[in-house]
Amino acid sequence: MPEGDSVYRQCKMLRAALQGQVLESSDLRVAALATTDLSGRTVVDVVPRGKHILIRLSEAPNADDLKAGAEALTLHSHLMMDGTWRVFERAGTPRDGAERGSGARAASSAGTSPAARGKRGRQPYRRYASVRSRAEARTPLSADVSIGQGSHTIRAILRTAAVDAIGYDVKDVRLVPTRLEDQELVGYLGPDILGPDWDLNEALRRLQAQPDRAIGTALMDQRNLAGIGNVYRVEVLFMTRTNPWAPVGSLADAKLTEIVKLAHKLLNLNRDRPLRSTVGHPATGRPLFWAYGHYDQPCRRCGTRLKRGEIDDAAPSITEPCDPSAVQHLRQIAWCPRCQGEDL
């Protein structure tokens, strides 16, 4: 499940492959951008902002020929539940030629990018050329971003002379002037838990501004702090012995600070790991968690069976009755009735 650390790794991968490179072509498979041409623009940077991916592009080299306009642009995407970006090296690059010269087998049609299969005149890709860690590639079922999506899920392709960056099932693909990033894309977000401008005090202030809201819901509100998802919500609340439905206002300042500091620590520890671990040592083969996904299993702290609960991430308050006409965002969580308190 993509969270702030997943987005950080995706941006690091894309930055290594694209930064400073000129786009030869683009293919944005969303209706509003179907005719957009980004060719000739240089990728200036790839920036994570909470769970958002911002690919910043230079000004157009020839504005008269481009419908997208002349000014610097930002291509926005969001991974949501199962989106992912992958990078494929194109055959014919210096690295690919060197491998063939050393006896490596040339890419076959089985190694062709899904975006190029069946289309004559396009260069095939080297097999397994996705710029992902080898550990993550060996464990596709337990990696925290989906892989192997079919070509029908492609929503964006950015092609340079050396690589294709392909966005599978990414959501909210938008193109805005870079100067309007905050206004139109990410200005509403709270402090970025993995950002260089992380502000603990501001995150605490925003959380405490809604004292009647359940802490489990407040942590997921990206307007309070950006980057936490369901995995880290479950783990942080378990590790701090906090009931997910406890109102923010019922928590001591020291407890709330402990929760936010631990979330910051865990995401930073895992941001460069292909597999997440919250148990004190790196994961090998599969992610390692104290509580997430361990429904009906013994608590690793006290032995009590973990419960499966549902929490509404759209609920504004734990005290207000639910509006039956309102859209709910129910998420399943694991929690320990003994360690985290059966009763509020």
Protein backbone atom coordinates (compact mmCIF):
# COMPACT_ATOMS: atom_id res chain seq x y z
CA MET A 1 0.00 0.00 0.00
CA PRO A 2 1.63 3.30 -1.06
CA GLU A 3 2.30 5.72 1.77
CA GLY A 4 4.76 8.56 2.24
CA ASP A 5 7.80 6.27 2.18
CA SER A 6 6.62 4.56 -1.03
CA VAL A 7 6.17 7.94 -2.72
CA TYR A 8 9.63 9.01 -1.55
CA ARG A 9 11.20 5.93 -3.16
CA GLN A 10 9.20 6.36 -6.36
CA CYS A 11 10.39 9.96 -6.66
CA LYS A 12 13.98 8.95 -5.94
CA MET A 13 13.78 6.36 -8.73
CA LEU A 14 12.20 8.80 -11.18
CA ARG A 15 14.67 11.55 -10.29
CA ALA A 16 17.65 9.28 -10.93
CA ALA A 17 16.27 8.30 -14.34
CA LEU A 18 14.77 11.58 -15.56
CA GLN A 19 16.35 14.61 -13.93
CA GLY A 20 18.19 16.73 -16.48
CA GLN A 21 16.91 14.64 -19.40
CA VAL A 22 14.97 16.01 -22.36
CA LEU A 23 11.63 14.39 -23.14
CA GLU A 24 11.45 12.95 -26.64
CA SER A 25 7.73 12.33 -26.33
CA SER A 26 4.89 12.03 -23.83
CA ASP A 27 1.63 10.10 -23.70
CA LEU A 28 -0.85 11.19 -21.03
CA ARG A 29 -3.81 8.82 -21.14
CA VAL A 30 -6.40 10.94 -19.41
CA ALA A 31 -9.07 12.77 -21.34
CA ALA A 32 -8.12 16.29 -20.30
CA LEU A 33 -4.48 15.82 -21.35
CA ALA A 34 -4.82 13.44 -24.30
CA THR A 35 -3.44 15.95 -26.84
CA THR A 36 -0.74 17.42 -24.60
CA ASP A 37 2.77 17.40 -26.05
CA LEU A 38 5.63 17.71 -23.57
CA SER A 39 8.43 16.85 -26.00
CA GLY A 40 11.45 19.11 -25.85
CA ARG A 41 11.00 19.96 -22.20
CA THR A 42 13.68 19.04 -19.66
CA VAL A 43 12.82 17.27 -16.43
CA VAL A 44 13.97 19.72 -13.77
CA ASP A 45 13.16 17.67 -10.67
CA VAL A 46 10.88 15.01 -9.21
CA VAL A 47 9.54 15.95 -5.79
CA PRO A 48 7.44 14.01 -3.26
CA ARG A 49 4.89 15.99 -1.28
CA GLY A 50 3.10 13.79 1.21
CA LYS A 51 1.57 11.12 -1.04
CA HIS A 52 1.76 13.27 -4.18
CA ILE A 53 4.36 13.00 -6.96
CA LEU A 54 5.37 16.25 -8.67
CA ILE A 55 7.43 15.97 -11.87
CA ARG A 56 8.68 19.47 -12.66
CA LEU A 57 9.37 20.35 -16.27
CA SER A 58 11.21 23.26 -17.84
CA GLU A 59 9.74 25.94 -20.05
CA ALA A 60 8.85 24.87 -23.58
CA PRO A 61 11.69 25.30 -26.11
CA ASN A 62 9.22 26.36 -28.81
CA ALA A 63 5.95 27.61 -27.38
CA ASP A 64 4.37 28.15 -30.80
CA ASP A 65 4.36 24.41 -31.48
CA LEU A 66 3.09 23.25 -28.11
CA LYS A 67 -0.49 23.29 -26.89
CA ALA A 68 0.61 23.01 -23.26
CA GLY A 69 1.96 26.58 -23.24
CA ALA A 70 5.39 28.02 -22.73
CA GLU A 71 5.87 28.28 -18.98
CA ALA A 72 7.39 25.69 -16.67
CA LEU A 73 4.91 22.94 -15.82
CA THR A 74 4.40 20.33 -13.12
CA LEU A 75 2.97 16.89 -13.90
CA HIS A 76 1.08 15.67 -10.86
CA SER A 77 0.06 12.12 -10.00
CA HIS A 78 -1.11 10.20 -6.95
CA LEU A 79 -0.57 6.49 -6.32
CA MET A 80 -3.80 6.04 -4.31
CA MET A 81 -4.15 2.32 -3.44
CA ASP A 82 -2.36 0.51 -6.25
CA GLY A 83 -0.65 2.96 -8.58
CA THR A 84 3.07 2.79 -9.36
CA TRP A 85 5.66 4.34 -11.63
CA ARG A 86 8.24 2.10 -13.28
CA VAL A 87 11.26 2.99 -15.38
CA PHE A 88 12.43 0.86 -18.31
CA GLU A 89 15.74 1.33 -20.05
CA ARG A 90 15.41 1.41 -23.80
CA ALA A 91 17.48 -0.96 -25.95
CA GLY A 92 20.29 0.76 -27.73
CA THR A 93 21.42 2.85 -24.76
CA PRO A 94 25.16 2.78 -23.94
CA ARG A 95 24.55 0.57 -20.93
CA ASP A 96 22.50 -1.87 -22.96
CA GLY A 97 25.13 -2.02 -25.70
CA ALA A 98 27.86 -2.67 -23.17
CA GLU A 99 25.93 -5.59 -21.73
CA ARG A 100 25.41 -7.10 -25.16
CA GLY A 101 29.14 -6.70 -25.86
CA SER A 102 29.99 -8.55 -22.67
CA GLY A 103 27.87 -11.48 -23.69
CA ALA A 104 24.58 -10.56 -22.05
CA ARG A 105 21.55 -11.78 -23.95
CA ALA A 106 19.74 -9.09 -25.91
CA ALA A 107 16.20 -8.26 -24.90
CA SER A 108 13.52 -10.37 -26.50
CA SER A 109 9.87 -9.53 -27.07
CA ALA A 110 9.19 -10.88 -23.59
CA GLY A 111 11.19 -7.97 -22.21
CA THR A 112 9.40 -5.33 -24.20
CA SER A 113 7.66 -2.55 -22.30
CA PRO A 114 3.87 -2.95 -22.23
CA ALA A 115 3.62 0.47 -23.83
CA ALA A 116 5.57 -0.69 -26.86
CA ARG A 117 4.53 -4.31 -27.38
CA GLY A 118 3.04 -5.03 -30.75
CA LYS A 119 4.04 -1.67 -32.23
CA ARG A 120 6.59 -1.79 -34.99
CA GLY A 121 9.35 0.74 -35.16
CA ARG A 122 9.72 1.05 -31.40
CA GLN A 123 12.81 -0.12 -29.59
CA PRO A 124 12.37 -3.07 -27.25
CA TYR A 125 13.37 -2.80 -23.62
CA ARG A 126 15.94 -4.76 -21.70
CA ARG A 127 14.34 -7.35 -19.48
CA TYR A 128 14.02 -6.45 -15.82
CA ALA A 129 15.14 -2.91 -16.55
CA SER A 130 12.81 -1.31 -14.03
CA VAL A 131 14.82 0.94 -11.77
CA ARG A 132 13.73 -0.79 -8.58
CA SER A 133 15.81 -2.53 -5.98
CA ARG A 134 16.64 -6.17 -6.66
CA ALA A 135 15.10 -7.17 -3.33
CA GLU A 136 11.83 -5.52 -4.26
CA ALA A 137 11.88 -7.13 -7.70
CA ARG A 138 12.33 -10.56 -6.12
CA THR A 139 9.31 -10.10 -3.85
CA PRO A 140 6.57 -8.63 -6.03
CA LEU A 141 3.74 -9.92 -3.87
CA SER A 142 4.99 -8.26 -0.70
CA ALA A 143 6.38 -5.05 -2.16
CA ASP A 144 4.49 -1.99 -0.99
CA VAL A 145 3.63 -0.82 -4.49
CA SER A 146 1.86 -2.89 -7.08
CA ILE A 147 3.76 -4.20 -10.09
CA GLY A 148 2.88 -6.12 -13.20
CA GLN A 149 -0.16 -4.11 -14.22
CA GLY A 150 -1.34 -4.58 -17.77
CA SER A 151 -0.89 -1.96 -20.47
CA HIS A 152 -4.56 -1.01 -20.14
CA THR A 153 -3.73 0.54 -16.75
CA ILE A 154 -1.07 2.90 -18.14
CA ARG A 155 -1.99 6.52 -17.52
CA ALA A 156 1.27 8.31 -18.36
CA ILE A 157 4.43 7.69 -20.37
CA LEU A 158 7.44 10.00 -20.38
CA ARG A 159 10.11 9.01 -22.90
CA THR A 160 13.71 10.19 -23.02
CA ALA A 161 16.55 8.96 -25.22
CA ALA A 162 17.48 6.39 -22.57
CA VAL A 163 14.33 5.40 -20.67
CA ASP A 164 10.56 5.29 -20.55
CA ALA A 165 8.93 6.24 -17.27
CA ILE A 166 5.50 4.62 -17.16
CA GLY A 167 2.77 5.39 -14.65
CA TYR A 168 0.50 2.39 -14.07
CA ASP A 169 -2.91 3.09 -12.58
CA VAL A 170 -1.76 6.43 -11.17
CA LYS A 171 -4.61 8.75 -10.28
CA ASP A 172 -5.34 12.46 -10.48
CA VAL A 173 -2.95 13.04 -13.38
CA ARG A 174 -2.86 16.79 -13.87
CA LEU A 175 -0.63 19.38 -15.51
CA VAL A 176 -0.37 22.82 -13.95
CA PRO A 177 2.07 25.74 -14.13
CA THR A 178 4.81 25.09 -11.58
CA ARG A 179 4.17 28.51 -10.03
CA LEU A 180 0.65 27.30 -9.12
CA GLU A 181 1.65 24.01 -7.41
CA ASP A 182 0.60 25.18 -3.98
CA GLN A 183 -2.55 26.87 -5.16
CA GLU A 184 -3.88 24.02 -7.29
CA LEU A 185 -2.20 20.84 -6.04
CA VAL A 186 -0.66 20.58 -2.58
CA GLY A 187 -1.12 23.85 -0.74
CA TYR A 188 -3.79 22.36 1.54
CA LEU A 189 -1.46 19.68 2.91
CA GLY A 190 -0.05 19.77 6.41
CA PRO A 191 3.66 19.46 7.21
CA ASP A 192 5.31 16.76 5.07
CA ILE A 193 6.54 14.07 7.42
CA LEU A 194 9.42 13.24 5.02
CA GLY A 195 9.93 16.77 3.73
CA PRO A 196 12.94 19.00 4.37
CA ASP A 197 10.58 21.54 5.97
CA TRP A 198 9.01 19.11 8.45
CA ASP A 199 7.46 21.09 11.34
CA LEU A 200 6.54 19.03 14.41
CA ASN A 201 4.90 21.91 16.25
CA GLU A 202 2.68 22.81 13.29
CA ALA A 203 1.58 19.18 12.92
CA LEU A 204 0.67 19.06 16.62
CA ARG A 205 -1.20 22.36 16.36
CA ARG A 206 -3.31 21.09 13.47
CA LEU A 207 -4.13 17.84 15.25
CA GLN A 208 -5.11 19.62 18.46
CA ALA A 209 -7.37 22.00 16.53
CA GLN A 210 -9.93 19.16 16.31
CA PRO A 211 -10.05 17.77 19.86
CA ASP A 212 -13.22 15.71 19.29
CA ARG A 213 -11.81 13.79 16.37
CA ALA A 214 -10.56 10.22 16.84
CA ILE A 215 -6.76 10.09 16.79
CA GLY A 216 -6.88 7.25 14.25
CA THR A 217 -8.86 9.44 11.87
CA ALA A 218 -6.90 12.63 12.55
CA LEU A 219 -3.58 10.98 11.68
CA MET A 220 -4.89 10.02 8.24
CA ASP A 221 -6.08 13.54 7.44
CA GLN A 222 -3.36 14.85 5.14
CA ARG A 223 -4.31 18.41 6.09
CA ASN A 224 -2.85 17.73 9.54
CA LEU A 225 0.35 16.03 8.49
CA ALA A 226 1.14 14.56 5.10
CA GLY A 227 2.45 11.06 4.44
CA ILE A 228 0.84 8.71 6.96
CA GLY A 229 -1.33 5.89 5.61
CA ASN A 230 -3.14 2.95 7.15
CA VAL A 231 0.00 0.87 7.75
CA TYR A 232 1.73 3.51 9.83
CA ARG A 233 -1.48 4.52 11.58
CA VAL A 234 -1.97 0.96 12.84
CA GLU A 235 1.67 0.51 13.81
CA VAL A 236 2.17 3.86 15.53
CA LEU A 237 -1.00 3.56 17.61
CA PHE A 238 -0.12 0.00 18.61
CA MET A 239 3.45 0.88 19.53
CA THR A 240 2.31 3.84 21.65
CA ARG A 241 -0.54 1.84 23.28
CA THR A 242 -3.13 4.30 21.98
CA ASN A 243 -6.77 3.45 21.31
CA PRO A 244 -7.52 4.35 17.67
CA TRP A 245 -10.90 5.84 18.65
CA ALA A 246 -9.58 8.01 21.49
CA PRO A 247 -10.43 11.70 20.92
CA VAL A 248 -7.38 13.83 20.24
CA GLY A 249 -8.37 16.10 23.10
CA SER A 250 -8.25 13.21 25.57
CA LEU A 251 -4.57 12.59 24.91
CA ALA A 252 -1.89 14.28 26.98
CA ASP A 253 0.41 16.61 25.07
CA ALA A 254 3.30 14.24 25.75
CA LYS A 255 1.35 11.28 24.31
CA LEU A 256 0.38 13.15 21.14
CA THR A 257 3.97 14.28 20.68
CA GLU A 258 5.16 10.69 21.13
CA ILE A 259 2.75 9.50 18.43
CA VAL A 260 3.82 12.08 15.87
CA LYS A 261 7.53 11.70 16.61
CA LEU A 262 7.27 7.92 16.22
CA ALA A 263 5.47 8.27 12.89
CA HIS A 264 8.22 10.60 11.69
CA LYS A 265 10.90 8.15 12.87
CA LEU A 266 9.32 5.07 11.26
CA LEU A 267 8.73 6.68 7.86
CA ASN A 268 12.28 8.01 7.78
CA LEU A 269 13.70 4.62 8.75
CA ASN A 270 11.77 2.92 5.93
CA ARG A 271 12.03 5.51 3.18
CA ASP A 272 15.05 3.82 1.56
CA ARG A 273 14.02 0.24 2.30
CA PRO A 274 12.25 -1.82 -0.36
CA LEU A 275 10.27 -3.65 2.35
CA ARG A 276 8.88 -1.97 5.43
CA SER A 277 9.75 -2.97 8.97
CA THR A 278 8.56 -1.46 12.24
CA VAL A 279 9.95 -4.16 14.55
CA GLY A 280 13.52 -2.90 14.95
CA HIS A 281 15.39 -4.68 12.16
CA PRO A 282 15.16 -4.67 8.36
CA ALA A 283 12.72 -6.99 6.64
CA THR A 284 13.92 -9.80 4.39
CA GLY A 285 11.44 -11.45 2.07
CA ARG A 286 8.33 -9.78 3.46
CA PRO A 287 7.39 -6.69 5.47
CA LEU A 288 7.52 -6.98 9.26
CA PHE A 289 4.84 -5.36 11.42
CA TRP A 290 3.69 -5.52 15.02
CA ALA A 291 -0.03 -5.36 14.30
CA TYR A 292 -0.88 -4.36 10.73
CA GLY A 293 -2.56 -7.27 8.93
CA HIS A 294 -2.32 -9.56 11.98
CA TYR A 295 -6.05 -9.79 12.65
CA ASP A 296 -7.05 -12.53 15.13
CA GLN A 297 -3.41 -13.33 15.84
CA PRO A 298 -1.82 -13.10 19.31
CA CYS A 299 -0.50 -9.68 20.27
CA ARG A 300 3.29 -9.82 20.20
CA ARG A 301 3.34 -7.79 23.42
CA CYS A 302 0.71 -9.39 25.69
CA GLY A 303 -0.66 -12.43 23.82
CA THR A 304 -4.25 -11.16 23.57
CA ARG A 305 -5.83 -11.77 20.17
CA LEU A 306 -5.75 -8.68 18.01
CA LYS A 307 -9.14 -7.39 16.95
CA ARG A 308 -10.23 -6.33 13.49
CA GLY A 309 -11.90 -2.94 13.61
CA GLU A 310 -13.31 -0.39 11.19
CA ILE A 311 -12.64 3.31 11.37
CA ASP A 312 -14.27 6.00 9.26
CA ASP A 313 -11.58 8.31 7.94
CA ALA A 314 -14.25 10.81 6.88
CA ALA A 315 -15.79 11.17 10.35
CA PRO A 316 -15.35 14.77 11.60
CA SER A 317 -15.87 13.89 15.25
CA ILE A 318 -16.18 10.86 17.49
CA THR A 319 -19.11 12.47 19.33
CA GLU A 320 -21.29 13.56 16.43
CA PRO A 321 -23.82 11.01 15.09
CA CYS A 322 -23.01 9.72 11.62
CA ASP A 323 -24.96 11.28 8.79
CA PRO A 324 -26.55 8.31 6.97
CA SER A 325 -26.34 10.20 3.68
CA ALA A 326 -22.64 11.04 4.05
CA VAL A 327 -19.99 9.13 2.15
CA GLN A 328 -18.00 6.92 4.49
CA HIS A 329 -14.35 5.98 4.11
CA LEU A 330 -14.16 2.85 6.23
CA ARG A 331 -10.74 1.25 6.67
CA GLN A 332 -9.88 -1.94 8.51
CA ILE A 333 -7.36 -1.75 11.31
CA ALA A 334 -5.83 -4.23 13.73
CA TRP A 335 -5.63 -3.29 17.40
CA CYS A 336 -5.05 -4.93 20.77
CA PRO A 337 -7.98 -4.60 23.21
CA ARG A 338 -5.64 -5.04 26.17
CA CYS A 339 -2.60 -2.94 25.18
CA GLN A 340 -4.62 -0.21 23.53
CA GLY A 341 -7.62 -0.19 25.86
CA GLU A 342 -10.99 -1.83 25.32
CA ASP A 343 -12.90 1.13 26.76
CA LEU A 344 -12.33 4.82 26.18
